[in-house]
Amino acid sequence: MNSPKTGGNKLGRGLSALLGDNSREFSINDNKSGKNTPQKGLSTVPVEFLIPSSLQPRQIFGQEEIESLAASIKKNGILQPILVRSSNTSDEFFEIIAGERRWRGAQVAGLHEVPVIVRDFSDEEVLQVALIENIQRANLNPIEEALGYRRLINEFKHTQDSLSDVVGKSRSHIANILRLLSLPESIQNNLKMRDISAGHARTLIGVPNAEDIVKEIINKKLNVRQTEILVKKFKSHVGGKKIDISQKDSDTLALEKSLSDALGLNVLIGFNGKGGKLTINYESLDQLDDIISRLTR
């Protein structure tokens, strides 16, 4: 097996750059019949010899989605080979790197064999490729995306800056997605099931009893702007105390937003007429290290 050159920038450019031309060379007619026609590194393997990867960031596969894909596979075959690596558990088995949805659809479609490309990838590269494929196809819900980023940070020592290069997303996007993991588990589940959007969820970070607000969002079908207004009203009555949100002038609010966007973290500015305090909220030691690094440059 030839080891591919998979630098972070190449991964950031997507799967087409990673796979070269191989992904476009498999004949539809050959693979519809399950015929074993290896060409230029391509081959077919029995579906039972493929196993999902424990590094797969996607956790939810909708049944309707799989059945729709199966119908397409019955008609057209698998248009893009499944990317795999040899399994550590057995020489016969292969671990799916990219294409688990196609593998599931092929089984529903009744295919006995599927086209694959075998590559020699490290665990870090497997997680990176799986993230890129799912992000490009908008398959991941925000929590799955956040968990994938956190795993790359915790297990493979990435920073938010290096992740930005790898997956082709802005640093602020990655920081904002990671902040969603600070939400209560029930709200994270709402995000997984797409009951609410990431925009809704970001307004709920740090809000007490946010679950009650989520019920309002779902029941009344509130958009993000309506949710922001509801959260402000809720905060103004927390603990039975009336808080005048308008105490902060527009310049202070604009500065808070500017700093929050720049850092990718929630920033609050308090002012009492003489002085005040600047509060930067972080959720991990990696974020704290990043803040310290920026302040001490």
C-alpha atoms as a PDB file:
ATOM      1  CA  MET A   1       0.000   0.000   0.000  1.00  0.00           C
ATOM      2  CA  ASN A   2       1.339   3.406  -0.923  1.00  0.00           C
ATOM      3  CA  SER A   3       1.168   5.991   1.818  1.00  0.00           C
ATOM      4  CA  PRO A   4      -0.544   9.155   0.548  1.00  0.00           C
ATOM      5  CA  LYS A   5       0.793  12.640   1.048  1.00  0.00           C
ATOM      6  CA  THR A   6      -1.838  14.243   3.203  1.00  0.00           C
ATOM      7  CA  GLY A   7      -0.692  17.571   4.546  1.00  0.00           C
ATOM      8  CA  GLY A   8      -3.163  19.804   6.364  1.00  0.00           C
ATOM      9  CA  ASN A   9      -3.518  22.219   3.434  1.00  0.00           C
ATOM     10  CA  LYS A  10      -4.354  19.380   1.070  1.00  0.00           C
ATOM     11  CA  LEU A  11      -6.998  18.107   3.446  1.00  0.00           C
ATOM     12  CA  GLY A  12      -8.340  21.632   3.707  1.00  0.00           C
ATOM     13  CA  ARG A  13      -8.841  21.695  -0.063  1.00  0.00           C
ATOM     14  CA  GLY A  14     -11.158  18.707   0.255  1.00  0.00           C
ATOM     15  CA  LEU A  15     -11.501  15.093  -0.729  1.00  0.00           C
ATOM     16  CA  SER A  16     -11.034  15.625  -4.457  1.00  0.00           C
ATOM     17  CA  ALA A  17      -7.509  16.908  -3.804  1.00  0.00           C
ATOM     18  CA  LEU A  18      -6.835  14.039  -1.428  1.00  0.00           C
ATOM     19  CA  LEU A  19      -8.078  11.269  -3.719  1.00  0.00           C
ATOM     20  CA  GLY A  20      -6.819  12.670  -7.006  1.00  0.00           C
ATOM     21  CA  ASP A  21      -8.627  11.300 -10.067  1.00  0.00           C
ATOM     22  CA  ASN A  22      -9.377   7.838  -8.640  1.00  0.00           C
ATOM     23  CA  SER A  23     -12.756   8.863  -7.258  1.00  0.00           C
ATOM     24  CA  ARG A  24     -14.018   9.619 -10.767  1.00  0.00           C
ATOM     25  CA  GLU A  25     -12.778   6.515 -12.594  1.00  0.00           C
ATOM     26  CA  PHE A  26     -15.119   3.785 -11.400  1.00  0.00           C
ATOM     27  CA  SER A  27     -17.585   2.671 -14.052  1.00  0.00           C
ATOM     28  CA  ILE A  28     -21.230   2.988 -13.007  1.00  0.00           C
ATOM     29  CA  ASN A  29     -22.262   0.045 -15.157  1.00  0.00           C
ATOM     30  CA  ASP A  30     -19.592  -2.219 -13.682  1.00  0.00           C
ATOM     31  CA  ASN A  31     -20.455  -1.390 -10.098  1.00  0.00           C
ATOM     32  CA  LYS A  32     -24.220  -1.715 -10.554  1.00  0.00           C
ATOM     33  CA  SER A  33     -23.741  -5.420 -11.131  1.00  0.00           C
ATOM     34  CA  GLY A  34     -21.297  -5.768  -8.251  1.00  0.00           C
ATOM     35  CA  LYS A  35     -18.665  -6.870 -10.759  1.00  0.00           C
ATOM     36  CA  ASN A  36     -15.121  -6.866  -9.414  1.00  0.00           C
ATOM     37  CA  THR A  37     -13.280  -4.539 -11.811  1.00  0.00           C
ATOM     38  CA  PRO A  38     -10.234  -3.112 -10.055  1.00  0.00           C
ATOM     39  CA  GLN A  39      -8.582  -0.293 -11.950  1.00  0.00           C
ATOM     40  CA  LYS A  40      -5.896   2.197 -10.963  1.00  0.00           C
ATOM     41  CA  GLY A  41      -6.065   1.327  -7.267  1.00  0.00           C
ATOM     42  CA  LEU A  42      -9.802   0.620  -7.203  1.00  0.00           C
ATOM     43  CA  SER A  43     -11.324  -2.714  -6.241  1.00  0.00           C
ATOM     44  CA  THR A  44     -14.520  -4.153  -4.834  1.00  0.00           C
ATOM     45  CA  VAL A  45     -15.007  -5.905  -1.501  1.00  0.00           C
ATOM     46  CA  PRO A  46     -17.999  -7.665   0.089  1.00  0.00           C
ATOM     47  CA  VAL A  47     -20.138  -5.288   2.157  1.00  0.00           C
ATOM     48  CA  GLU A  48     -19.761  -7.529   5.215  1.00  0.00           C
ATOM     49  CA  PHE A  49     -16.003  -6.938   5.191  1.00  0.00           C
ATOM     50  CA  LEU A  50     -16.433  -3.209   5.843  1.00  0.00           C
ATOM     51  CA  ILE A  51     -16.843  -1.843   9.381  1.00  0.00           C
ATOM     52  CA  PRO A  52     -17.730   1.699  10.546  1.00  0.00           C
ATOM     53  CA  SER A  53     -14.909   3.697  12.101  1.00  0.00           C
ATOM     54  CA  SER A  54     -14.940   4.624  15.772  1.00  0.00           C
ATOM     55  CA  LEU A  55     -13.571   7.982  14.567  1.00  0.00           C
ATOM     56  CA  GLN A  56     -16.667   8.720  12.473  1.00  0.00           C
ATOM     57  CA  PRO A  57     -17.983  12.107  13.683  1.00  0.00           C
ATOM     58  CA  ARG A  58     -21.454  11.521  12.298  1.00  0.00           C
ATOM     59  CA  GLN A  59     -23.712   9.772  14.815  1.00  0.00           C
ATOM     60  CA  ILE A  60     -27.152  10.057  13.228  1.00  0.00           C
ATOM     61  CA  PHE A  61     -28.169   8.511   9.896  1.00  0.00           C
ATOM     62  CA  GLY A  62     -31.800   9.176   8.957  1.00  0.00           C
ATOM     63  CA  GLN A  63     -33.697   6.128   7.693  1.00  0.00           C
ATOM     64  CA  GLU A  64     -35.455   8.102   4.953  1.00  0.00           C
ATOM     65  CA  GLU A  65     -32.117   9.492   3.798  1.00  0.00           C
ATOM     66  CA  ILE A  66     -30.596   5.998   3.574  1.00  0.00           C
ATOM     67  CA  GLU A  67     -33.619   4.604   1.717  1.00  0.00           C
ATOM     68  CA  SER A  68     -33.498   7.488  -0.769  1.00  0.00           C
ATOM     69  CA  LEU A  69     -29.798   6.842  -1.346  1.00  0.00           C
ATOM     70  CA  ALA A  70     -30.497   3.110  -1.766  1.00  0.00           C
ATOM     71  CA  ALA A  71     -33.026   3.889  -4.506  1.00  0.00           C
ATOM     72  CA  SER A  72     -30.403   6.000  -6.283  1.00  0.00           C
ATOM     73  CA  ILE A  73     -27.800   3.234  -5.924  1.00  0.00           C
ATOM     74  CA  LYS A  74     -30.202   0.687  -7.429  1.00  0.00           C
ATOM     75  CA  LYS A  75     -30.617   2.941 -10.444  1.00  0.00           C
ATOM     76  CA  ASN A  76     -27.124   4.369 -10.899  1.00  0.00           C
ATOM     77  CA  GLY A  77     -24.768   2.332  -8.760  1.00  0.00           C
ATOM     78  CA  ILE A  78     -22.266   3.896  -6.351  1.00  0.00           C
ATOM     79  CA  LEU A  79     -20.853   6.951  -8.110  1.00  0.00           C
ATOM     80  CA  GLN A  80     -17.887   7.431  -5.779  1.00  0.00           C
ATOM     81  CA  PRO A  81     -15.849   4.622  -4.199  1.00  0.00           C
ATOM     82  CA  ILE A  82     -15.766   4.253  -0.427  1.00  0.00           C
ATOM     83  CA  LEU A  83     -12.476   5.301   1.166  1.00  0.00           C
ATOM     84  CA  VAL A  84     -11.135   2.661   3.580  1.00  0.00           C
ATOM     85  CA  ARG A  85      -8.042   1.514   5.439  1.00  0.00           C
ATOM     86  CA  SER A  86      -7.050  -1.944   6.649  1.00  0.00           C
ATOM     87  CA  SER A  87      -8.628  -2.869   9.969  1.00  0.00           C
ATOM     88  CA  ASN A  88      -6.487  -3.450  13.036  1.00  0.00           C
ATOM     89  CA  THR A  89      -8.759  -6.310  14.098  1.00  0.00           C
ATOM     90  CA  SER A  90      -8.461  -8.564  11.038  1.00  0.00           C
ATOM     91  CA  ASP A  91      -6.638  -8.763   7.713  1.00  0.00           C
ATOM     92  CA  GLU A  92      -9.962  -9.477   5.993  1.00  0.00           C
ATOM     93  CA  PHE A  93     -11.778  -6.372   7.209  1.00  0.00           C
ATOM     94  CA  PHE A  94     -11.531  -2.725   6.212  1.00  0.00           C
ATOM     95  CA  GLU A  95     -12.419   0.330   8.290  1.00  0.00           C
ATOM     96  CA  ILE A  96     -14.521   2.972   6.544  1.00  0.00           C
ATOM     97  CA  ILE A  97     -12.829   6.376   6.410  1.00  0.00           C
ATOM     98  CA  ALA A  98     -15.319   8.185   4.158  1.00  0.00           C
ATOM     99  CA  GLY A  99     -18.538   6.786   2.736  1.00  0.00           C
ATOM    100  CA  GLU A 100     -20.390   5.076   5.588  1.00  0.00           C
ATOM    101  CA  ARG A 101     -23.672   6.481   4.267  1.00  0.00           C
ATOM    102  CA  ARG A 102     -22.979   4.901   0.849  1.00  0.00           C
ATOM    103  CA  TRP A 103     -22.131   1.600   2.550  1.00  0.00           C
ATOM    104  CA  ARG A 104     -25.415   1.646   4.469  1.00  0.00           C
ATOM    105  CA  GLY A 105     -27.349   2.562   1.319  1.00  0.00           C
ATOM    106  CA  ALA A 106     -25.654  -0.225  -0.647  1.00  0.00           C
ATOM    107  CA  GLN A 107     -26.830  -2.800   1.895  1.00  0.00           C
ATOM    108  CA  VAL A 108     -30.412  -1.543   1.705  1.00  0.00           C
ATOM    109  CA  ALA A 109     -30.121  -1.630  -2.103  1.00  0.00           C
ATOM    110  CA  GLY A 110     -29.085  -5.277  -1.924  1.00  0.00           C
ATOM    111  CA  LEU A 111     -25.519  -4.900  -3.221  1.00  0.00           C
ATOM    112  CA  HIS A 112     -23.160  -7.661  -2.136  1.00  0.00           C
ATOM    113  CA  GLU A 113     -19.979  -5.792  -3.032  1.00  0.00           C
ATOM    114  CA  VAL A 114     -18.983  -2.131  -3.114  1.00  0.00           C
ATOM    115  CA  PRO A 115     -16.127  -0.202  -4.783  1.00  0.00           C
ATOM    116  CA  VAL A 116     -13.369   0.946  -2.438  1.00  0.00           C
ATOM    117  CA  ILE A 117     -10.084   2.827  -2.420  1.00  0.00           C
ATOM    118  CA  VAL A 118      -7.650   1.515   0.196  1.00  0.00           C
ATOM    119  CA  ARG A 119      -5.364   4.069   1.808  1.00  0.00           C
ATOM    120  CA  ASP A 120      -2.900   3.935   4.696  1.00  0.00           C
ATOM    121  CA  PHE A 121      -4.155   6.695   7.018  1.00  0.00           C
ATOM    122  CA  SER A 122      -3.319   7.506  10.627  1.00  0.00           C
ATOM    123  CA  ASP A 123      -6.106   8.006  13.189  1.00  0.00           C
ATOM    124  CA  GLU A 124      -5.634  11.768  12.941  1.00  0.00           C
ATOM    125  CA  GLU A 125      -5.985  11.716   9.158  1.00  0.00           C
ATOM    126  CA  VAL A 126      -9.062   9.469   9.392  1.00  0.00           C
ATOM    127  CA  LEU A 127     -10.813  11.948  11.667  1.00  0.00           C
ATOM    128  CA  GLN A 128      -9.769  14.890   9.496  1.00  0.00           C
ATOM    129  CA  VAL A 129     -11.000  13.270   6.277  1.00  0.00           C
ATOM    130  CA  ALA A 130     -14.285  12.167   7.865  1.00  0.00           C
ATOM    131  CA  LEU A 131     -14.865  15.696   9.159  1.00  0.00           C
ATOM    132  CA  ILE A 132     -14.073  17.293   5.809  1.00  0.00           C
ATOM    133  CA  GLU A 133     -16.349  14.959   3.856  1.00  0.00           C
ATOM    134  CA  ASN A 134     -19.273  15.481   6.202  1.00  0.00           C
ATOM    135  CA  ILE A 135     -18.774  19.253   6.464  1.00  0.00           C
ATOM    136  CA  GLN A 136     -18.561  19.632   2.681  1.00  0.00           C
ATOM    137  CA  ARG A 137     -21.819  17.733   2.271  1.00  0.00           C
ATOM    138  CA  ALA A 138     -23.508  19.450   5.245  1.00  0.00           C
ATOM    139  CA  ASN A 139     -24.158  16.032   6.777  1.00  0.00           C
ATOM    140  CA  LEU A 140     -23.116  16.874  10.339  1.00  0.00           C
ATOM    141  CA  ASN A 141     -25.339  18.532  12.896  1.00  0.00           C
ATOM    142  CA  PRO A 142     -23.577  21.280  14.916  1.00  0.00           C
ATOM    143  CA  ILE A 143     -22.904  19.034  17.926  1.00  0.00           C
ATOM    144  CA  GLU A 144     -21.333  16.292  15.804  1.00  0.00           C
ATOM    145  CA  GLU A 145     -19.146  18.936  14.171  1.00  0.00           C
ATOM    146  CA  ALA A 146     -18.153  20.361  17.575  1.00  0.00           C
ATOM    147  CA  LEU A 147     -17.314  16.934  19.001  1.00  0.00           C
ATOM    148  CA  GLY A 148     -15.128  16.225  15.981  1.00  0.00           C
ATOM    149  CA  TYR A 149     -13.224  19.477  16.513  1.00  0.00           C
ATOM    150  CA  ARG A 150     -12.844  18.822  20.232  1.00  0.00           C
ATOM    151  CA  ARG A 151     -11.484  15.347  19.565  1.00  0.00           C
ATOM    152  CA  LEU A 152      -8.869  16.727  17.169  1.00  0.00           C
ATOM    153  CA  ILE A 153      -7.896  19.290  19.822  1.00  0.00           C
ATOM    154  CA  ASN A 154      -7.803  16.904  22.784  1.00  0.00           C
ATOM    155  CA  GLU A 155      -6.353  13.779  21.160  1.00  0.00           C
ATOM    156  CA  PHE A 156      -4.176  15.201  18.389  1.00  0.00           C
ATOM    157  CA  LYS A 157      -3.079  18.504  19.971  1.00  0.00           C
ATOM    158  CA  HIS A 158      -4.570  20.767  17.338  1.00  0.00           C
ATOM    159  CA  THR A 159      -5.268  24.421  18.093  1.00  0.00           C
ATOM    160  CA  GLN A 160      -8.234  26.311  16.715  1.00  0.00           C
ATOM    161  CA  ASP A 161      -5.880  28.034  14.266  1.00  0.00           C
ATOM    162  CA  SER A 162      -4.472  24.769  12.913  1.00  0.00           C
ATOM    163  CA  LEU A 163      -7.986  23.313  12.664  1.00  0.00           C
ATOM    164  CA  SER A 164      -8.991  26.291  10.573  1.00  0.00           C
ATOM    165  CA  ASP A 165      -6.297  25.352   8.042  1.00  0.00           C
ATOM    166  CA  VAL A 166      -7.214  21.661   8.083  1.00  0.00           C
ATOM    167  CA  VAL A 167     -10.988  21.869   7.588  1.00  0.00           C
ATOM    168  CA  GLY A 168     -11.192  25.144   5.684  1.00  0.00           C
ATOM    169  CA  LYS A 169     -13.375  26.918   8.249  1.00  0.00           C
ATOM    170  CA  SER A 170     -12.682  30.269   9.909  1.00  0.00           C
ATOM    171  CA  ARG A 171     -11.265  30.266  13.423  1.00  0.00           C
ATOM    172  CA  SER A 172     -14.305  32.181  14.697  1.00  0.00           C
ATOM    173  CA  HIS A 173     -16.626  29.523  13.207  1.00  0.00           C
ATOM    174  CA  ILE A 174     -14.714  26.756  14.987  1.00  0.00           C
ATOM    175  CA  ALA A 175     -14.702  28.689  18.285  1.00  0.00           C
ATOM    176  CA  ASN A 176     -18.444  29.376  18.058  1.00  0.00           C
ATOM    177  CA  ILE A 177     -19.235  25.746  17.246  1.00  0.00           C
ATOM    178  CA  LEU A 178     -17.134  24.544  20.202  1.00  0.00           C
ATOM    179  CA  ARG A 179     -19.027  26.888  22.538  1.00  0.00           C
ATOM    180  CA  LEU A 180     -22.182  24.855  21.854  1.00  0.00           C
ATOM    181  CA  LEU A 181     -20.716  22.000  23.917  1.00  0.00           C
ATOM    182  CA  SER A 182     -21.192  24.142  27.041  1.00  0.00           C
ATOM    183  CA  LEU A 183     -24.975  23.894  26.626  1.00  0.00           C
ATOM    184  CA  PRO A 184     -27.022  21.419  28.705  1.00  0.00           C
ATOM    185  CA  GLU A 185     -27.227  17.939  27.198  1.00  0.00           C
ATOM    186  CA  SER A 186     -30.955  18.268  26.493  1.00  0.00           C
ATOM    187  CA  ILE A 187     -30.331  21.344  24.332  1.00  0.00           C
ATOM    188  CA  GLN A 188     -27.449  19.588  22.598  1.00  0.00           C
ATOM    189  CA  ASN A 189     -29.921  16.824  21.758  1.00  0.00           C
ATOM    190  CA  ASN A 190     -32.296  19.441  20.312  1.00  0.00           C
ATOM    191  CA  LEU A 191     -29.434  20.559  18.083  1.00  0.00           C
ATOM    192  CA  LYS A 192     -28.643  16.987  17.060  1.00  0.00           C
ATOM    193  CA  MET A 193     -32.259  16.459  16.024  1.00  0.00           C
ATOM    194  CA  ARG A 194     -32.271  19.891  14.316  1.00  0.00           C
ATOM    195  CA  ASP A 195     -35.207  21.096  16.445  1.00  0.00           C
ATOM    196  CA  ILE A 196     -33.255  24.358  16.761  1.00  0.00           C
ATOM    197  CA  SER A 197     -30.399  25.880  14.771  1.00  0.00           C
ATOM    198  CA  ALA A 198     -26.881  26.754  15.874  1.00  0.00           C
ATOM    199  CA  GLY A 199     -27.957  30.409  15.736  1.00  0.00           C
ATOM    200  CA  HIS A 200     -30.731  29.716  18.258  1.00  0.00           C
ATOM    201  CA  ALA A 201     -28.353  27.750  20.459  1.00  0.00           C
ATOM    202  CA  ARG A 202     -25.660  30.444  20.582  1.00  0.00           C
ATOM    203  CA  THR A 203     -28.136  32.889  22.124  1.00  0.00           C
ATOM    204  CA  LEU A 204     -28.770  30.379  24.941  1.00  0.00           C
ATOM    205  CA  ILE A 205     -25.160  29.908  26.081  1.00  0.00           C
ATOM    206  CA  GLY A 206     -24.836  30.875  29.742  1.00  0.00           C
ATOM    207  CA  VAL A 207     -28.578  31.491  30.153  1.00  0.00           C
ATOM    208  CA  PRO A 208     -30.111  29.894  33.299  1.00  0.00           C
ATOM    209  CA  ASN A 209     -33.025  27.513  32.635  1.00  0.00           C
ATOM    210  CA  ALA A 210     -32.371  27.715  28.903  1.00  0.00           C
ATOM    211  CA  GLU A 211     -34.433  24.542  28.428  1.00  0.00           C
ATOM    212  CA  ASP A 212     -37.587  26.594  29.083  1.00  0.00           C
ATOM    213  CA  ILE A 213     -36.645  28.994  26.304  1.00  0.00           C
ATOM    214  CA  VAL A 214     -36.037  26.089  23.919  1.00  0.00           C
ATOM    215  CA  LYS A 215     -39.611  24.930  24.479  1.00  0.00           C
ATOM    216  CA  GLU A 216     -40.820  28.402  23.502  1.00  0.00           C
ATOM    217  CA  ILE A 217     -38.613  28.386  20.394  1.00  0.00           C
ATOM    218  CA  ILE A 218     -39.980  25.042  19.233  1.00  0.00           C
ATOM    219  CA  ASN A 219     -43.630  25.621  20.151  1.00  0.00           C
ATOM    220  CA  LYS A 220     -43.806  29.111  18.661  1.00  0.00           C
ATOM    221  CA  LYS A 221     -41.378  28.450  15.782  1.00  0.00           C
ATOM    222  CA  LEU A 222     -39.300  31.492  16.740  1.00  0.00           C
ATOM    223  CA  ASN A 223     -36.519  32.677  14.452  1.00  0.00           C
ATOM    224  CA  VAL A 224     -33.085  33.644  15.799  1.00  0.00           C
ATOM    225  CA  ARG A 225     -33.890  37.350  16.111  1.00  0.00           C
ATOM    226  CA  GLN A 226     -37.102  36.597  18.033  1.00  0.00           C
ATOM    227  CA  THR A 227     -35.108  34.257  20.273  1.00  0.00           C
ATOM    228  CA  GLU A 228     -32.564  36.992  21.035  1.00  0.00           C
ATOM    229  CA  ILE A 229     -35.392  39.302  22.140  1.00  0.00           C
ATOM    230  CA  LEU A 230     -36.914  36.544  24.289  1.00  0.00           C
ATOM    231  CA  VAL A 231     -33.548  35.843  25.948  1.00  0.00           C
ATOM    232  CA  LYS A 232     -33.089  39.546  26.771  1.00  0.00           C
ATOM    233  CA  LYS A 233     -36.523  39.653  28.401  1.00  0.00           C
ATOM    234  CA  PHE A 234     -35.737  36.484  30.327  1.00  0.00           C
ATOM    235  CA  LYS A 235     -32.387  37.814  31.566  1.00  0.00           C
ATOM    236  CA  SER A 236     -34.015  41.039  32.725  1.00  0.00           C
ATOM    237  CA  HIS A 237     -36.168  39.079  35.194  1.00  0.00           C
ATOM    238  CA  VAL A 238     -33.697  36.433  36.399  1.00  0.00           C
ATOM    239  CA  GLY A 239     -33.941  35.926  40.151  1.00  0.00           C
ATOM    240  CA  GLY A 240     -37.013  38.140  40.342  1.00  0.00           C
ATOM    241  CA  LYS A 241     -34.861  41.249  39.950  1.00  0.00           C
ATOM    242  CA  LYS A 242     -35.555  43.750  37.224  1.00  0.00           C
ATOM    243  CA  ILE A 243     -32.367  44.482  35.298  1.00  0.00           C
ATOM    244  CA  ASP A 244     -32.271  47.420  32.936  1.00  0.00           C
ATOM    245  CA  ILE A 245     -30.475  46.002  29.910  1.00  0.00           C
ATOM    246  CA  SER A 246     -30.452  49.447  28.317  1.00  0.00           C
ATOM    247  CA  GLN A 247     -27.880  50.538  30.944  1.00  0.00           C
ATOM    248  CA  LYS A 248     -25.251  49.503  28.403  1.00  0.00           C
ATOM    249  CA  ASP A 249     -24.957  52.093  25.676  1.00  0.00           C
ATOM    250  CA  SER A 250     -24.715  51.163  22.009  1.00  0.00           C
ATOM    251  CA  ASP A 251     -20.948  51.758  21.944  1.00  0.00           C
ATOM    252  CA  THR A 252     -20.383  49.281  24.784  1.00  0.00           C
ATOM    253  CA  LEU A 253     -22.610  46.667  23.152  1.00  0.00           C
ATOM    254  CA  ALA A 254     -20.821  47.158  19.829  1.00  0.00           C
ATOM    255  CA  LEU A 255     -17.441  46.769  21.536  1.00  0.00           C
ATOM    256  CA  GLU A 256     -18.610  43.581  23.264  1.00  0.00           C
ATOM    257  CA  LYS A 257     -19.692  42.166  19.918  1.00  0.00           C
ATOM    258  CA  SER A 258     -16.454  43.183  18.214  1.00  0.00           C
ATOM    259  CA  LEU A 259     -14.308  41.549  20.912  1.00  0.00           C
ATOM    260  CA  SER A 260     -16.502  38.421  20.976  1.00  0.00           C
ATOM    261  CA  ASP A 261     -16.205  38.030  17.206  1.00  0.00           C
ATOM    262  CA  ALA A 262     -12.438  38.594  17.268  1.00  0.00           C
ATOM    263  CA  LEU A 263     -11.812  36.050  20.034  1.00  0.00           C
ATOM    264  CA  GLY A 264     -14.591  33.626  19.154  1.00  0.00           C
ATOM    265  CA  LEU A 265     -15.585  33.741  22.832  1.00  0.00           C
ATOM    266  CA  ASN A 266     -18.289  35.462  24.868  1.00  0.00           C
ATOM    267  CA  VAL A 267     -16.964  38.839  26.107  1.00  0.00           C
ATOM    268  CA  LEU A 268     -18.798  41.095  28.588  1.00  0.00           C
ATOM    269  CA  ILE A 269     -17.903  44.671  29.563  1.00  0.00           C
ATOM    270  CA  GLY A 270     -19.093  46.125  32.881  1.00  0.00           C
ATOM    271  CA  PHE A 271     -18.847  49.871  33.589  1.00  0.00           C
ATOM    272  CA  ASN A 272     -19.865  51.725  36.761  1.00  0.00           C
ATOM    273  CA  GLY A 273     -19.019  55.295  35.787  1.00  0.00           C
ATOM    274  CA  LYS A 274     -15.454  55.273  37.107  1.00  0.00           C
ATOM    275  CA  GLY A 275     -14.119  51.919  36.054  1.00  0.00           C
ATOM    276  CA  GLY A 276     -15.331  48.432  35.356  1.00  0.00           C
ATOM    277  CA  LYS A 277     -14.326  44.953  34.331  1.00  0.00           C
ATOM    278  CA  LEU A 278     -13.801  42.963  31.156  1.00  0.00           C
ATOM    279  CA  THR A 279     -14.976  39.330  31.359  1.00  0.00           C
ATOM    280  CA  ILE A 280     -13.849  36.726  28.820  1.00  0.00           C
ATOM    281  CA  ASN A 281     -15.680  33.408  29.143  1.00  0.00           C
ATOM    282  CA  TYR A 282     -13.829  30.269  28.030  1.00  0.00           C
ATOM    283  CA  GLU A 283     -14.778  26.581  28.074  1.00  0.00           C
ATOM    284  CA  SER A 284     -11.454  24.741  27.873  1.00  0.00           C
ATOM    285  CA  LEU A 285      -7.803  25.052  28.846  1.00  0.00           C
ATOM    286  CA  ASP A 286      -6.964  25.250  25.147  1.00  0.00           C
ATOM    287  CA  GLN A 287      -9.084  28.387  24.840  1.00  0.00           C
ATOM    288  CA  LEU A 288      -7.434  29.847  27.973  1.00  0.00           C
ATOM    289  CA  ASP A 289      -3.976  29.141  26.537  1.00  0.00           C
ATOM    290  CA  ASP A 290      -5.020  30.856  23.316  1.00  0.00           C
ATOM    291  CA  ILE A 291      -6.219  33.950  25.223  1.00  0.00           C
ATOM    292  CA  ILE A 292      -2.976  34.142  27.225  1.00  0.00           C
ATOM    293  CA  SER A 293      -0.933  33.725  24.043  1.00  0.00           C
ATOM    294  CA  ARG A 294      -2.769  36.614  22.378  1.00  0.00           C
ATOM    295  CA  LEU A 295      -2.403  38.890  25.422  1.00  0.00           C
ATOM    296  CA  THR A 296       1.313  38.224  25.879  1.00  0.00           C
ATOM    297  CA  ARG A 297       2.448  38.625  22.268  1.00  0.00           C
END
